[in-house]
């Protein structure tokens, strides 16, 4: 397995991610990436024949419903609190001259 990440790859990833990494950070990132690739190789060795692919680990179902108003909009009650009203709406001071 032993995936080897080159210094050029780390430089390139740093550029793509817009990161300025110190020498130590580059070395740590290289080791981390190598470990990740080794783990992926390990996963690729697993026998997944007969395993159904899934998009989520929990059973997820979309629950569609009709968009029905059940309690009305209450605009009359709301407008009772408005200091100023105009055309069935709140009237506010002009903010742009």
PDB file of N, CA and C in Angstrom:
ATOM      1  N   UNK A   1       0.842  -1.173   0.000  1.00  0.00           N
ATOM      2  CA  UNK A   1       0.000   0.000   0.000  1.00  0.00           C
ATOM      3  C   UNK A   1       0.889   1.239   0.000  1.00  0.00           C
ATOM      4  N   UNK A   2       1.328   1.688   1.104  1.00  0.00           N
ATOM      5  CA  UNK A   2       2.250   2.806   1.292  1.00  0.00           C
ATOM      6  C   UNK A   2       2.164   3.859   0.188  1.00  0.00           C
ATOM      7  N   UNK A   3       1.150   4.661   0.248  1.00  0.00           N
ATOM      8  CA  UNK A   3       1.000   5.767  -0.690  1.00  0.00           C
ATOM      9  C   UNK A   3       1.982   6.867  -0.313  1.00  0.00           C
ATOM     10  N   UNK A   4       2.715   7.340  -1.291  1.00  0.00           N
ATOM     11  CA  UNK A   4       3.702   8.393  -1.051  1.00  0.00           C
ATOM     12  C   UNK A   4       3.202   9.674  -1.710  1.00  0.00           C
ATOM     13  N   UNK A   5       3.070  10.727  -0.925  1.00  0.00           N
ATOM     14  CA  UNK A   5       2.662  12.040  -1.417  1.00  0.00           C
ATOM     15  C   UNK A   5       3.932  12.865  -1.613  1.00  0.00           C
ATOM     16  N   UNK A   6       4.069  13.440  -2.794  1.00  0.00           N
ATOM     17  CA  UNK A   6       5.268  14.234  -3.083  1.00  0.00           C
ATOM     18  C   UNK A   6       5.140  15.644  -2.508  1.00  0.00           C
ATOM     19  N   UNK A   7       6.282  16.290  -2.362  1.00  0.00           N
ATOM     20  CA  UNK A   7       6.285  17.677  -1.885  1.00  0.00           C
ATOM     21  C   UNK A   7       5.539  18.574  -2.868  1.00  0.00           C
ATOM     22  N   UNK A   8       5.653  18.261  -4.163  1.00  0.00           N
ATOM     23  CA  UNK A   8       4.971  19.060  -5.183  1.00  0.00           C
ATOM     24  C   UNK A   8       3.450  18.957  -5.021  1.00  0.00           C
ATOM     25  N   UNK A   9       2.971  17.773  -4.669  1.00  0.00           N
ATOM     26  CA  UNK A   9       1.536  17.592  -4.462  1.00  0.00           C
ATOM     27  C   UNK A   9       1.059  18.429  -3.290  1.00  0.00           C
ATOM     28  N   UNK A  10       1.824  18.421  -2.207  1.00  0.00           N
ATOM     29  CA  UNK A  10       1.469  19.219  -1.027  1.00  0.00           C
ATOM     30  C   UNK A  10       1.475  20.703  -1.388  1.00  0.00           C
ATOM     31  N   UNK A  11       2.461  21.142  -2.137  1.00  0.00           N
ATOM     32  CA  UNK A  11       2.524  22.546  -2.577  1.00  0.00           C
ATOM     33  C   UNK A  11       1.277  22.888  -3.384  1.00  0.00           C
ATOM     34  N   UNK A  12       0.923  22.005  -4.319  1.00  0.00           N
ATOM     35  CA  UNK A  12      -0.218  22.234  -5.190  1.00  0.00           C
ATOM     36  C   UNK A  12      -1.521  22.296  -4.388  1.00  0.00           C
ATOM     37  N   UNK A  13      -1.694  21.373  -3.455  1.00  0.00           N
ATOM     38  CA  UNK A  13      -2.891  21.366  -2.606  1.00  0.00           C
ATOM     39  C   UNK A  13      -2.939  22.649  -1.780  1.00  0.00           C
ATOM     40  N   UNK A  14      -1.786  23.076  -1.275  1.00  0.00           N
ATOM     41  CA  UNK A  14      -1.723  24.326  -0.517  1.00  0.00           C
ATOM     42  C   UNK A  14      -2.152  25.517  -1.354  1.00  0.00           C
ATOM     43  N   UNK A  15      -1.718  25.540  -2.615  1.00  0.00           N
ATOM     44  CA  UNK A  15      -2.099  26.626  -3.521  1.00  0.00           C
ATOM     45  C   UNK A  15      -3.607  26.581  -3.778  1.00  0.00           C
ATOM     46  N   UNK A  16      -4.130  25.389  -4.059  1.00  0.00           N
ATOM     47  CA  UNK A  16      -5.569  25.258  -4.318  1.00  0.00           C
ATOM     48  C   UNK A  16      -6.399  25.694  -3.109  1.00  0.00           C
ATOM     49  N   UNK A  17      -5.926  25.350  -1.920  1.00  0.00           N
ATOM     50  CA  UNK A  17      -6.654  25.681  -0.694  1.00  0.00           C
ATOM     51  C   UNK A  17      -6.313  27.081  -0.185  1.00  0.00           C
ATOM     52  N   UNK A  18      -5.412  27.756  -0.887  1.00  0.00           N
ATOM     53  CA  UNK A  18      -4.967  29.102  -0.501  1.00  0.00           C
ATOM     54  C   UNK A  18      -4.430  29.114   0.924  1.00  0.00           C
ATOM     55  N   UNK A  19      -3.553  28.144   1.192  1.00  0.00           N
ATOM     56  CA  UNK A  19      -2.931  28.026   2.505  1.00  0.00           C
ATOM     57  C   UNK A  19      -1.443  28.308   2.401  1.00  0.00           C
ATOM     58  N   UNK A  20      -0.925  28.969   3.393  1.00  0.00           N
ATOM     59  CA  UNK A  20       0.519  29.139   3.502  1.00  0.00           C
ATOM     60  C   UNK A  20       0.971  28.238   4.653  1.00  0.00           C
ATOM     61  N   UNK A  21       1.608  27.137   4.287  1.00  0.00           N
ATOM     62  CA  UNK A  21       2.004  26.150   5.281  1.00  0.00           C
ATOM     63  C   UNK A  21       3.488  26.244   5.570  1.00  0.00           C
ATOM     64  N   UNK A  22       3.836  26.097   6.837  1.00  0.00           N
ATOM     65  CA  UNK A  22       5.244  26.028   7.213  1.00  0.00           C
ATOM     66  C   UNK A  22       5.779  24.657   6.811  1.00  0.00           C
ATOM     67  N   UNK A  23       7.074  24.476   6.906  1.00  0.00           N
ATOM     68  CA  UNK A  23       7.672  23.185   6.577  1.00  0.00           C
ATOM     69  C   UNK A  23       7.106  22.055   7.413  1.00  0.00           C
ATOM     70  N   UNK A  24       6.941  22.325   8.708  1.00  0.00           N
ATOM     71  CA  UNK A  24       6.396  21.305   9.617  1.00  0.00           C
ATOM     72  C   UNK A  24       4.939  20.990   9.267  1.00  0.00           C
ATOM     73  N   UNK A  25       4.150  22.032   8.945  1.00  0.00           N
ATOM     74  CA  UNK A  25       2.751  21.816   8.576  1.00  0.00           C
ATOM     75  C   UNK A  25       2.642  21.019   7.274  1.00  0.00           C
ATOM     76  N   UNK A  26       3.537  21.285   6.340  1.00  0.00           N
ATOM     77  CA  UNK A  26       3.541  20.530   5.078  1.00  0.00           C
ATOM     78  C   UNK A  26       3.844  19.061   5.341  1.00  0.00           C
ATOM     79  N   UNK A  27       4.804  18.822   6.203  1.00  0.00           N
ATOM     80  CA  UNK A  27       5.179  17.438   6.517  1.00  0.00           C
ATOM     81  C   UNK A  27       4.027  16.723   7.213  1.00  0.00           C
ATOM     82  N   UNK A  28       3.369  17.405   8.162  1.00  0.00           N
ATOM     83  CA  UNK A  28       2.209  16.811   8.847  1.00  0.00           C
ATOM     84  C   UNK A  28       1.074  16.539   7.869  1.00  0.00           C
ATOM     85  N   UNK A  29       0.817  17.480   6.958  1.00  0.00           N
ATOM     86  CA  UNK A  29      -0.240  17.304   5.964  1.00  0.00           C
ATOM     87  C   UNK A  29       0.088  16.124   5.056  1.00  0.00           C
ATOM     88  N   UNK A  30       1.351  15.988   4.683  1.00  0.00           N
ATOM     89  CA  UNK A  30       1.759  14.889   3.816  1.00  0.00           C
ATOM     90  C   UNK A  30       1.512  13.550   4.518  1.00  0.00           C
ATOM     91  N   UNK A  31       1.893  13.457   5.775  1.00  0.00           N
ATOM     92  CA  UNK A  31       1.682  12.218   6.535  1.00  0.00           C
ATOM     93  C   UNK A  31       0.185  11.920   6.678  1.00  0.00           C
ATOM     94  N   UNK A  32      -0.618  12.961   6.949  1.00  0.00           N
ATOM     95  CA  UNK A  32      -2.067  12.772   7.083  1.00  0.00           C
ATOM     96  C   UNK A  32      -2.677  12.274   5.779  1.00  0.00           C
ATOM     97  N   UNK A  33      -2.270  12.857   4.665  1.00  0.00           N
ATOM     98  CA  UNK A  33      -2.814  12.444   3.370  1.00  0.00           C
ATOM     99  C   UNK A  33      -2.411  11.006   3.046  1.00  0.00           C
ATOM    100  N   UNK A  34      -1.187  10.653   3.365  1.00  0.00           N
ATOM    101  CA  UNK A  34      -0.740   9.280   3.126  1.00  0.00           C
ATOM    102  C   UNK A  34      -1.557   8.297   3.949  1.00  0.00           C
ATOM    103  N   UNK A  35      -1.853   8.650   5.212  1.00  0.00           N
ATOM    104  CA  UNK A  35      -2.673   7.778   6.070  1.00  0.00           C
ATOM    105  C   UNK A  35      -4.082   7.632   5.508  1.00  0.00           C
ATOM    106  N   UNK A  36      -4.635   8.742   5.003  1.00  0.00           N
ATOM    107  CA  UNK A  36      -5.980   8.680   4.429  1.00  0.00           C
ATOM    108  C   UNK A  36      -6.013   7.771   3.206  1.00  0.00           C
ATOM    109  N   UNK A  37      -5.022   7.911   2.344  1.00  0.00           N
ATOM    110  CA  UNK A  37      -4.977   7.076   1.145  1.00  0.00           C
ATOM    111  C   UNK A  37      -4.771   5.604   1.494  1.00  0.00           C
ATOM    112  N   UNK A  38      -3.954   5.342   2.504  1.00  0.00           N
ATOM    113  CA  UNK A  38      -3.775   3.957   2.954  1.00  0.00           C
ATOM    114  C   UNK A  38      -5.092   3.386   3.478  1.00  0.00           C
ATOM    115  N   UNK A  39      -5.837   4.199   4.220  1.00  0.00           N
ATOM    116  CA  UNK A  39      -7.126   3.744   4.754  1.00  0.00           C
ATOM    117  C   UNK A  39      -8.106   3.455   3.617  1.00  0.00           C
ATOM    118  N   UNK A  40      -8.112   4.312   2.601  1.00  0.00           N
ATOM    119  CA  UNK A  40      -8.981   4.081   1.435  1.00  0.00           C
ATOM    120  C   UNK A  40      -8.596   2.781   0.750  1.00  0.00           C
ATOM    121  N   UNK A  41      -7.295   2.516   0.639  1.00  0.00           N
ATOM    122  CA  UNK A  41      -6.847   1.253   0.060  1.00  0.00           C
ATOM    123  C   UNK A  41      -7.369   0.072   0.877  1.00  0.00           C
ATOM    124  N   UNK A  42      -7.329   0.205   2.193  1.00  0.00           N
ATOM    125  CA  UNK A  42      -7.841  -0.846   3.072  1.00  0.00           C
ATOM    126  C   UNK A  42      -9.331  -1.062   2.828  1.00  0.00           C
ATOM    127  N   UNK A  43     -10.083   0.030   2.719  1.00  0.00           N
ATOM    128  CA  UNK A  43     -11.519  -0.090   2.453  1.00  0.00           C
ATOM    129  C   UNK A  43     -11.778  -0.739   1.107  1.00  0.00           C
ATOM    130  N   UNK A  44     -10.935  -0.448   0.118  1.00  0.00           N
ATOM    131  CA  UNK A  44     -11.116  -1.028  -1.210  1.00  0.00           C
ATOM    132  C   UNK A  44     -10.902  -2.542  -1.214  1.00  0.00           C
ATOM    133  N   UNK A  45     -10.217  -3.068  -0.208  1.00  0.00           N
ATOM    134  CA  UNK A  45      -9.978  -4.508  -0.122  1.00  0.00           C
ATOM    135  C   UNK A  45     -11.204  -5.267   0.406  1.00  0.00           C
ATOM    136  N   UNK A  46     -12.154  -4.550   0.991  1.00  0.00           N
ATOM    137  CA  UNK A  46     -13.336  -5.192   1.556  1.00  0.00           C
ATOM    138  C   UNK A  46     -14.224  -5.762   0.460  1.00  0.00           C
ATOM    139  N   UNK A  47     -14.828  -6.898   0.756  1.00  0.00           N
ATOM    140  CA  UNK A  47     -15.760  -7.518  -0.182  1.00  0.00           C
ATOM    141  C   UNK A  47     -17.134  -6.892   0.021  1.00  0.00           C
ATOM    142  N   UNK A  48     -17.541  -6.085  -0.945  1.00  0.00           N
ATOM    143  CA  UNK A  48     -18.835  -5.412  -0.841  1.00  0.00           C
ATOM    144  C   UNK A  48     -19.858  -5.980  -1.820  1.00  0.00           C
ATOM    145  N   UNK A  49     -19.568  -7.153  -2.348  1.00  0.00           N
ATOM    146  CA  UNK A  49     -20.508  -7.791  -3.269  1.00  0.00           C
ATOM    147  C   UNK A  49     -21.815  -8.065  -2.523  1.00  0.00           C
ATOM    148  N   UNK A  50     -22.906  -7.719  -3.138  1.00  0.00           N
ATOM    149  CA  UNK A  50     -24.207  -7.966  -2.527  1.00  0.00           C
ATOM    150  C   UNK A  50     -24.631  -6.898  -1.538  1.00  0.00           C
ATOM    151  N   UNK A  51     -23.809  -5.892  -1.333  1.00  0.00           N
ATOM    152  CA  UNK A  51     -24.171  -4.799  -0.419  1.00  0.00           C
ATOM    153  C   UNK A  51     -24.831  -3.703  -1.242  1.00  0.00           C
ATOM    154  N   UNK A  52     -26.043  -3.334  -0.843  1.00  0.00           N
ATOM    155  CA  UNK A  52     -26.769  -2.315  -1.587  1.00  0.00           C
ATOM    156  C   UNK A  52     -26.206  -0.926  -1.265  1.00  0.00           C
ATOM    157  N   UNK A  53     -25.893  -0.144  -2.297  1.00  0.00           N
ATOM    158  CA  UNK A  53     -25.402   1.226  -2.047  1.00  0.00           C
ATOM    159  C   UNK A  53     -26.468   2.054  -1.356  1.00  0.00           C
ATOM    160  N   UNK A  54     -26.026   2.988  -0.528  1.00  0.00           N
ATOM    161  CA  UNK A  54     -26.978   3.860   0.142  1.00  0.00           C
ATOM    162  C   UNK A  54     -26.427   5.277   0.188  1.00  0.00           C
ATOM    163  N   UNK A  55     -27.330   6.219   0.262  1.00  0.00           N
ATOM    164  CA  UNK A  55     -26.901   7.611   0.281  1.00  0.00           C
ATOM    165  C   UNK A  55     -26.857   8.170   1.692  1.00  0.00           C
ATOM    166  N   UNK A  56     -27.413   7.448   2.651  1.00  0.00           N
ATOM    167  CA  UNK A  56     -27.444   7.924   4.028  1.00  0.00           C
ATOM    168  C   UNK A  56     -27.430   6.722   4.955  1.00  0.00           C
ATOM    169  N   UNK A  57     -26.814   6.868   6.111  1.00  0.00           N
ATOM    170  CA  UNK A  57     -26.723   5.731   7.025  1.00  0.00           C
ATOM    171  C   UNK A  57     -28.023   5.452   7.767  1.00  0.00           C
ATOM    172  N   UNK A  58     -28.898   6.454   7.837  1.00  0.00           N
ATOM    173  CA  UNK A  58     -30.194   6.273   8.481  1.00  0.00           C
ATOM    174  C   UNK A  58     -31.273   6.241   7.410  1.00  0.00           C
ATOM    175  N   UNK A  59     -32.365   5.533   7.664  1.00  0.00           N
ATOM    176  CA  UNK A  59     -33.447   5.553   6.672  1.00  0.00           C
ATOM    177  C   UNK A  59     -34.046   6.961   6.607  1.00  0.00           C
ATOM    178  N   UNK A  60     -33.996   7.552   5.426  1.00  0.00           N
ATOM    179  CA  UNK A  60     -34.494   8.907   5.250  1.00  0.00           C
ATOM    180  C   UNK A  60     -35.597   8.879   4.199  1.00  0.00           C
ATOM    181  N   UNK A  61     -36.718   9.481   4.527  1.00  0.00           N
ATOM    182  CA  UNK A  61     -37.821   9.563   3.584  1.00  0.00           C
ATOM    183  C   UNK A  61     -38.266  11.003   3.480  1.00  0.00           C
ATOM    184  N   UNK A  62     -38.514  11.457   2.268  1.00  0.00           N
ATOM    185  CA  UNK A  62     -39.125  12.760   2.082  1.00  0.00           C
ATOM    186  C   UNK A  62     -40.598  12.645   2.401  1.00  0.00           C
ATOM    187  N   UNK A  63     -41.093  13.573   3.149  1.00  0.00           N
ATOM    188  CA  UNK A  63     -42.508  13.584   3.465  1.00  0.00           C
ATOM    189  C   UNK A  63     -43.090  14.819   2.786  1.00  0.00           C
ATOM    190  N   UNK A  64     -43.780  14.593   1.705  1.00  0.00           N
ATOM    191  CA  UNK A  64     -44.366  15.695   0.969  1.00  0.00           C
ATOM    192  C   UNK A  64     -45.772  15.956   1.503  1.00  0.00           C
ATOM    193  N   UNK A  65     -46.115  17.203   1.589  1.00  0.00           N
ATOM    194  CA  UNK A  65     -47.452  17.573   2.013  1.00  0.00           C
ATOM    195  C   UNK A  65     -47.910  18.749   1.170  1.00  0.00           C
ATOM    196  N   UNK A  66     -49.185  18.911   1.104  1.00  0.00           N
ATOM    197  CA  UNK A  66     -49.746  20.058   0.414  1.00  0.00           C
ATOM    198  C   UNK A  66     -49.448  21.307   1.231  1.00  0.00           C
ATOM    199  N   UNK A  67     -49.162  22.385   0.561  1.00  0.00           N
ATOM    200  CA  UNK A  67     -48.929  23.654   1.233  1.00  0.00           C
ATOM    201  C   UNK A  67     -50.271  24.345   1.411  1.00  0.00           C
ATOM    202  N   UNK A  68     -50.892  24.095   2.558  1.00  0.00           N
ATOM    203  CA  UNK A  68     -52.236  24.590   2.819  1.00  0.00           C
ATOM    204  C   UNK A  68     -52.196  25.539   4.005  1.00  0.00           C
ATOM    205  N   UNK A  69     -52.779  26.721   3.836  1.00  0.00           N
ATOM    206  CA  UNK A  69     -52.866  27.672   4.940  1.00  0.00           C
ATOM    207  C   UNK A  69     -53.977  27.204   5.867  1.00  0.00           C
ATOM    208  N   UNK A  70     -53.648  27.036   7.129  1.00  0.00           N
ATOM    209  CA  UNK A  70     -54.649  26.532   8.073  1.00  0.00           C
ATOM    210  C   UNK A  70     -55.068  27.583   9.092  1.00  0.00           C
ATOM    211  N   UNK A  71     -54.239  28.611   9.303  1.00  0.00           N
ATOM    212  CA  UNK A  71     -54.578  29.579  10.335  1.00  0.00           C
ATOM    213  C   UNK A  71     -54.726  30.998   9.786  1.00  0.00           C
ATOM    214  N   UNK A  72     -54.761  31.189   8.491  1.00  0.00           N
ATOM    215  CA  UNK A  72     -54.905  32.516   7.907  1.00  0.00           C
ATOM    216  C   UNK A  72     -53.654  33.338   8.110  1.00  0.00           C
ATOM    217  N   UNK A  73     -53.653  34.542   7.565  1.00  0.00           N
ATOM    218  CA  UNK A  73     -52.441  35.362   7.665  1.00  0.00           C
ATOM    219  C   UNK A  73     -52.468  36.325   8.845  1.00  0.00           C
ATOM    220  N   UNK A  74     -53.629  36.604   9.397  1.00  0.00           N
ATOM    221  CA  UNK A  74     -53.717  37.459  10.579  1.00  0.00           C
ATOM    222  C   UNK A  74     -53.297  38.892  10.338  1.00  0.00           C
ATOM    223  N   UNK A  75     -53.369  39.352   9.084  1.00  0.00           N
ATOM    224  CA  UNK A  75     -52.857  40.686   8.785  1.00  0.00           C
ATOM    225  C   UNK A  75     -53.652  41.787   9.482  1.00  0.00           C
ATOM    226  N   UNK A  76     -54.945  41.599   9.640  1.00  0.00           N
ATOM    227  CA  UNK A  76     -55.743  42.629  10.311  1.00  0.00           C
ATOM    228  C   UNK A  76     -55.292  42.798  11.760  1.00  0.00           C
ATOM    229  N   UNK A  77     -55.103  41.685  12.438  1.00  0.00           N
ATOM    230  CA  UNK A  77     -54.646  41.727  13.830  1.00  0.00           C
ATOM    231  C   UNK A  77     -53.253  42.346  13.921  1.00  0.00           C
ATOM    232  N   UNK A  78     -52.383  41.995  12.971  1.00  0.00           N
ATOM    233  CA  UNK A  78     -51.028  42.534  12.960  1.00  0.00           C
ATOM    234  C   UNK A  78     -51.041  44.034  12.701  1.00  0.00           C
ATOM    235  N   UNK A  79     -51.855  44.500  11.761  1.00  0.00           N
ATOM    236  CA  UNK A  79     -51.890  45.919  11.417  1.00  0.00           C
ATOM    237  C   UNK A  79     -52.461  46.783  12.536  1.00  0.00           C
ATOM    238  N   UNK A  80     -53.170  46.171  13.485  1.00  0.00           N
ATOM    239  CA  UNK A  80     -53.677  46.947  14.627  1.00  0.00           C
ATOM    240  C   UNK A  80     -52.512  47.554  15.415  1.00  0.00           C
ATOM    241  N   UNK A  81     -51.339  46.914  15.354  1.00  0.00           N
ATOM    242  CA  UNK A  81     -50.162  47.388  16.085  1.00  0.00           C
ATOM    243  C   UNK A  81     -49.340  48.410  15.300  1.00  0.00           C
ATOM    244  N   UNK A  82     -49.692  48.664  14.040  1.00  0.00           N
ATOM    245  CA  UNK A  82     -48.893  49.552  13.202  1.00  0.00           C
ATOM    246  C   UNK A  82     -49.183  51.006  13.537  1.00  0.00           C
ATOM    247  N   UNK A  83     -48.129  51.797  13.771  1.00  0.00           N
ATOM    248  CA  UNK A  83     -48.358  53.225  14.021  1.00  0.00           C
ATOM    249  C   UNK A  83     -48.946  53.917  12.781  1.00  0.00           C
ATOM    250  N   UNK A  84     -48.490  53.496  11.597  1.00  0.00           N
ATOM    251  CA  UNK A  84     -49.005  54.041  10.339  1.00  0.00           C
ATOM    252  C   UNK A  84     -49.333  52.896   9.401  1.00  0.00           C
ATOM    253  N   UNK A  85     -50.440  53.058   8.656  1.00  0.00           N
ATOM    254  CA  UNK A  85     -50.847  52.041   7.688  1.00  0.00           C
ATOM    255  C   UNK A  85     -51.117  52.706   6.354  1.00  0.00           C
ATOM    256  N   UNK A  86     -50.852  51.979   5.274  1.00  0.00           N
ATOM    257  CA  UNK A  86     -51.173  52.469   3.937  1.00  0.00           C
ATOM    258  C   UNK A  86     -51.441  51.265   3.051  1.00  0.00           C
ATOM    259  N   UNK A  87     -52.545  51.229   2.377  1.00  0.00           N
ATOM    260  CA  UNK A  87     -52.913  50.148   1.458  1.00  0.00           C
ATOM    261  C   UNK A  87     -52.783  48.767   2.099  1.00  0.00           C
ATOM    262  N   UNK A  88     -53.304  48.617   3.311  1.00  0.00           N
ATOM    263  CA  UNK A  88     -53.303  47.327   3.999  1.00  0.00           C
ATOM    264  C   UNK A  88     -51.899  46.835   4.338  1.00  0.00           C
ATOM    265  N   UNK A  89     -50.959  47.779   4.530  1.00  0.00           N
ATOM    266  CA  UNK A  89     -49.562  47.439   4.849  1.00  0.00           C
ATOM    267  C   UNK A  89     -49.036  48.414   5.886  1.00  0.00           C
ATOM    268  N   UNK A  90     -47.876  48.074   6.463  1.00  0.00           N
ATOM    269  CA  UNK A  90     -47.199  49.006   7.345  1.00  0.00           C
ATOM    270  C   UNK A  90     -46.667  50.170   6.515  1.00  0.00           C
ATOM    271  N   UNK A  91     -46.799  51.379   7.014  1.00  0.00           N
ATOM    272  CA  UNK A  91     -46.196  52.529   6.352  1.00  0.00           C
ATOM    273  C   UNK A  91     -44.991  52.934   7.200  1.00  0.00           C
ATOM    274  N   UNK A  92     -43.844  53.052   6.530  1.00  0.00           N
ATOM    275  CA  UNK A  92     -42.606  53.388   7.241  1.00  0.00           C
ATOM    276  C   UNK A  92     -42.013  54.644   6.633  1.00  0.00           C
ATOM    277  N   UNK A  93     -41.178  55.354   7.400  1.00  0.00           N
ATOM    278  CA  UNK A  93     -40.553  56.561   6.849  1.00  0.00           C
ATOM    279  C   UNK A  93     -39.639  56.231   5.673  1.00  0.00           C
ATOM    280  N   UNK A  94     -39.520  57.148   4.744  1.00  0.00           N
ATOM    281  CA  UNK A  94     -38.656  56.993   3.593  1.00  0.00           C
ATOM    282  C   UNK A  94     -37.205  56.970   4.081  1.00  0.00           C
ATOM    283  N   UNK A  95     -36.431  55.984   3.639  1.00  0.00           N
ATOM    284  CA  UNK A  95     -35.041  55.850   4.103  1.00  0.00           C
ATOM    285  C   UNK A  95     -34.020  56.276   3.075  1.00  0.00           C
ATOM    286  N   UNK A  96     -34.406  56.319   1.803  1.00  0.00           N
ATOM    287  CA  UNK A  96     -33.491  56.738   0.737  1.00  0.00           C
ATOM    288  C   UNK A  96     -34.105  57.940   0.059  1.00  0.00           C
ATOM    289  N   UNK A  97     -33.322  59.009  -0.056  1.00  0.00           N
ATOM    290  CA  UNK A  97     -33.860  60.270  -0.590  1.00  0.00           C
ATOM    291  C   UNK A  97     -33.866  60.394  -2.047  1.00  0.00           C
TER     292      UNK A  97
END
